[in-house]
Amino acid sequence: QFYADARETVLGADYWSLQKLDEKRTFNYQIVEVKLPFLYGLCLEEAIDAYDDLGRKREEAFLPTDASPWLADAVYRLGTQNQWVLCYERYIITVCLDQEPDGEQMALIGHKLGGQ
């Protein structure tokens, strides 16, 4: 089951925070729909910022990685953690998983979330 935690519009971008929970896996993601193309870069900078939500400097940085398994235009991964930022034409999606996904899972997530 999916639970919508929040939706808000900030500077021409819609933010959705959603979470899927079951007894085996946890899957969190946030979708940012960028409605004004000139804001895309600012929204991406916010997503891959060097600081966490509490304003603390991250120990690891988001680094570019192969986007093809996610069916995305670009992908950034937070160091060695299971947290990614997926970039699509109008969407920036932050995905957090409790374990490393395989290629099939990446493609499924990319298709379901990025194929808005």
Protein backbone atom coordinates (compact mmCIF):
# COMPACT_ATOMS: atom_id res chain seq x y z
CA GLN A 1 0.00 0.00 0.00
CA PHE A 2 1.13 3.53 -0.75
CA TYR A 3 0.70 6.36 1.71
CA ALA A 4 0.81 9.99 0.63
CA ASP A 5 2.75 11.90 3.27
CA ALA A 6 2.66 15.34 1.69
CA ARG A 7 2.02 17.39 -1.41
CA GLU A 8 2.97 21.01 -1.76
CA THR A 9 3.72 23.48 -4.53
CA VAL A 10 6.86 25.59 -4.18
CA LEU A 11 8.03 28.02 -6.86
CA GLY A 12 6.28 26.27 -9.73
CA ALA A 13 7.15 22.71 -8.71
CA ASP A 14 4.80 20.16 -7.15
CA TYR A 15 6.30 17.96 -4.45
CA TRP A 16 4.85 14.57 -3.55
CA SER A 17 6.29 12.42 -0.78
CA LEU A 18 5.12 8.83 -0.88
CA GLN A 19 6.05 5.70 0.97
CA LYS A 20 5.40 2.02 0.41
CA LEU A 21 5.66 -0.21 3.43
CA ASP A 22 5.26 -3.92 3.80
CA GLU A 23 6.67 -6.55 6.11
CA LYS A 24 9.66 -7.24 3.87
CA ARG A 25 10.81 -3.99 2.21
CA THR A 26 10.65 -0.26 2.63
CA PHE A 27 10.49 2.01 -0.40
CA ASN A 28 10.40 5.80 -0.04
CA TYR A 29 10.31 8.32 -2.82
CA GLN A 30 9.63 11.98 -3.49
CA ILE A 31 8.48 13.22 -6.88
CA VAL A 32 9.09 16.83 -7.88
CA GLU A 33 7.13 17.90 -10.95
CA VAL A 34 8.91 20.92 -12.42
CA LYS A 35 6.24 23.02 -14.11
CA LEU A 36 8.53 25.82 -15.30
CA PRO A 37 11.54 24.50 -17.26
CA PHE A 38 13.88 27.29 -16.13
CA LEU A 39 13.46 26.04 -12.53
CA TYR A 40 14.68 22.50 -13.32
CA GLY A 41 18.31 23.27 -12.44
CA LEU A 42 17.35 24.83 -9.11
CA CYS A 43 15.16 21.85 -8.20
CA LEU A 44 17.96 19.44 -9.13
CA GLU A 45 20.48 21.39 -7.05
CA GLU A 46 18.12 21.15 -4.08
CA ALA A 47 17.76 17.38 -4.57
CA ILE A 48 21.50 16.70 -4.70
CA ASP A 49 22.48 19.33 -2.13
CA ALA A 50 25.47 18.60 0.10
CA TYR A 51 23.29 19.10 3.20
CA ASP A 52 20.58 16.85 4.60
CA ASP A 53 17.09 17.99 5.62
CA LEU A 54 18.39 18.97 9.06
CA GLY A 55 21.10 21.24 7.62
CA ARG A 56 23.98 18.89 8.43
CA LYS A 57 26.80 18.37 5.92
CA ARG A 58 26.47 14.93 4.30
CA GLU A 59 29.39 12.54 4.76
CA GLU A 60 28.96 11.39 1.15
CA ALA A 61 27.97 13.31 -1.98
CA PHE A 62 25.52 12.57 -4.75
CA LEU A 63 27.58 11.45 -7.75
CA PRO A 64 26.45 10.83 -11.36
CA THR A 65 25.91 7.17 -12.21
CA ASP A 66 24.56 5.13 -15.14
CA ALA A 67 21.02 6.31 -15.95
CA SER A 68 20.10 3.57 -18.43
CA PRO A 69 18.90 0.91 -15.92
CA TRP A 70 16.47 3.50 -14.48
CA LEU A 71 15.22 4.57 -17.95
CA ALA A 72 16.16 8.12 -16.89
CA ASP A 73 17.88 11.10 -18.49
CA ALA A 74 20.38 11.35 -15.60
CA VAL A 75 20.86 9.63 -12.21
CA TYR A 76 22.82 10.60 -9.10
CA ARG A 77 23.60 8.23 -6.23
CA LEU A 78 24.40 9.22 -2.67
CA GLY A 79 27.84 7.66 -2.20
CA THR A 80 27.39 3.94 -1.58
CA GLN A 81 23.96 4.30 0.00
CA ASN A 82 20.71 3.07 -1.55
CA GLN A 83 19.50 6.59 -2.31
CA TRP A 84 19.22 7.94 -5.85
CA VAL A 85 18.00 11.08 -7.62
CA LEU A 86 16.39 10.18 -10.96
CA CYS A 87 16.03 12.92 -13.58
CA TYR A 88 13.30 12.86 -16.23
CA GLU A 89 12.04 15.59 -18.57
CA ARG A 90 9.57 17.14 -16.06
CA TYR A 91 10.29 15.12 -12.92
CA ILE A 92 13.07 14.84 -10.37
CA ILE A 93 12.55 11.77 -8.20
CA THR A 94 14.42 10.91 -5.02
CA VAL A 95 14.29 7.18 -4.27
CA CYS A 96 15.40 5.47 -1.04
CA LEU A 97 15.44 1.68 -0.80
CA ASP A 98 16.35 -0.60 2.07
CA GLN A 99 18.60 -2.73 -0.16
CA GLU A 100 20.45 -2.57 -3.48
CA PRO A 101 18.02 -2.97 -6.42
CA ASP A 102 18.84 -5.17 -9.38
CA GLY A 103 18.52 -4.02 -13.00
CA GLU A 104 14.97 -5.30 -13.34
CA GLN A 105 13.87 -3.44 -10.20
CA MET A 106 15.57 -0.25 -11.42
CA ALA A 107 13.73 -0.48 -14.75
CA LEU A 108 10.41 -1.11 -13.00
CA ILE A 109 10.88 1.87 -10.67
CA GLY A 110 11.95 4.05 -13.60
CA HIS A 111 8.97 2.99 -15.69
CA LYS A 112 6.41 3.40 -12.90
CA LEU A 113 7.71 6.65 -11.44
CA GLY A 114 9.41 8.35 -14.38
CA GLY A 115 6.77 7.44 -16.93
CA GLN A 116 4.30 9.87 -15.36
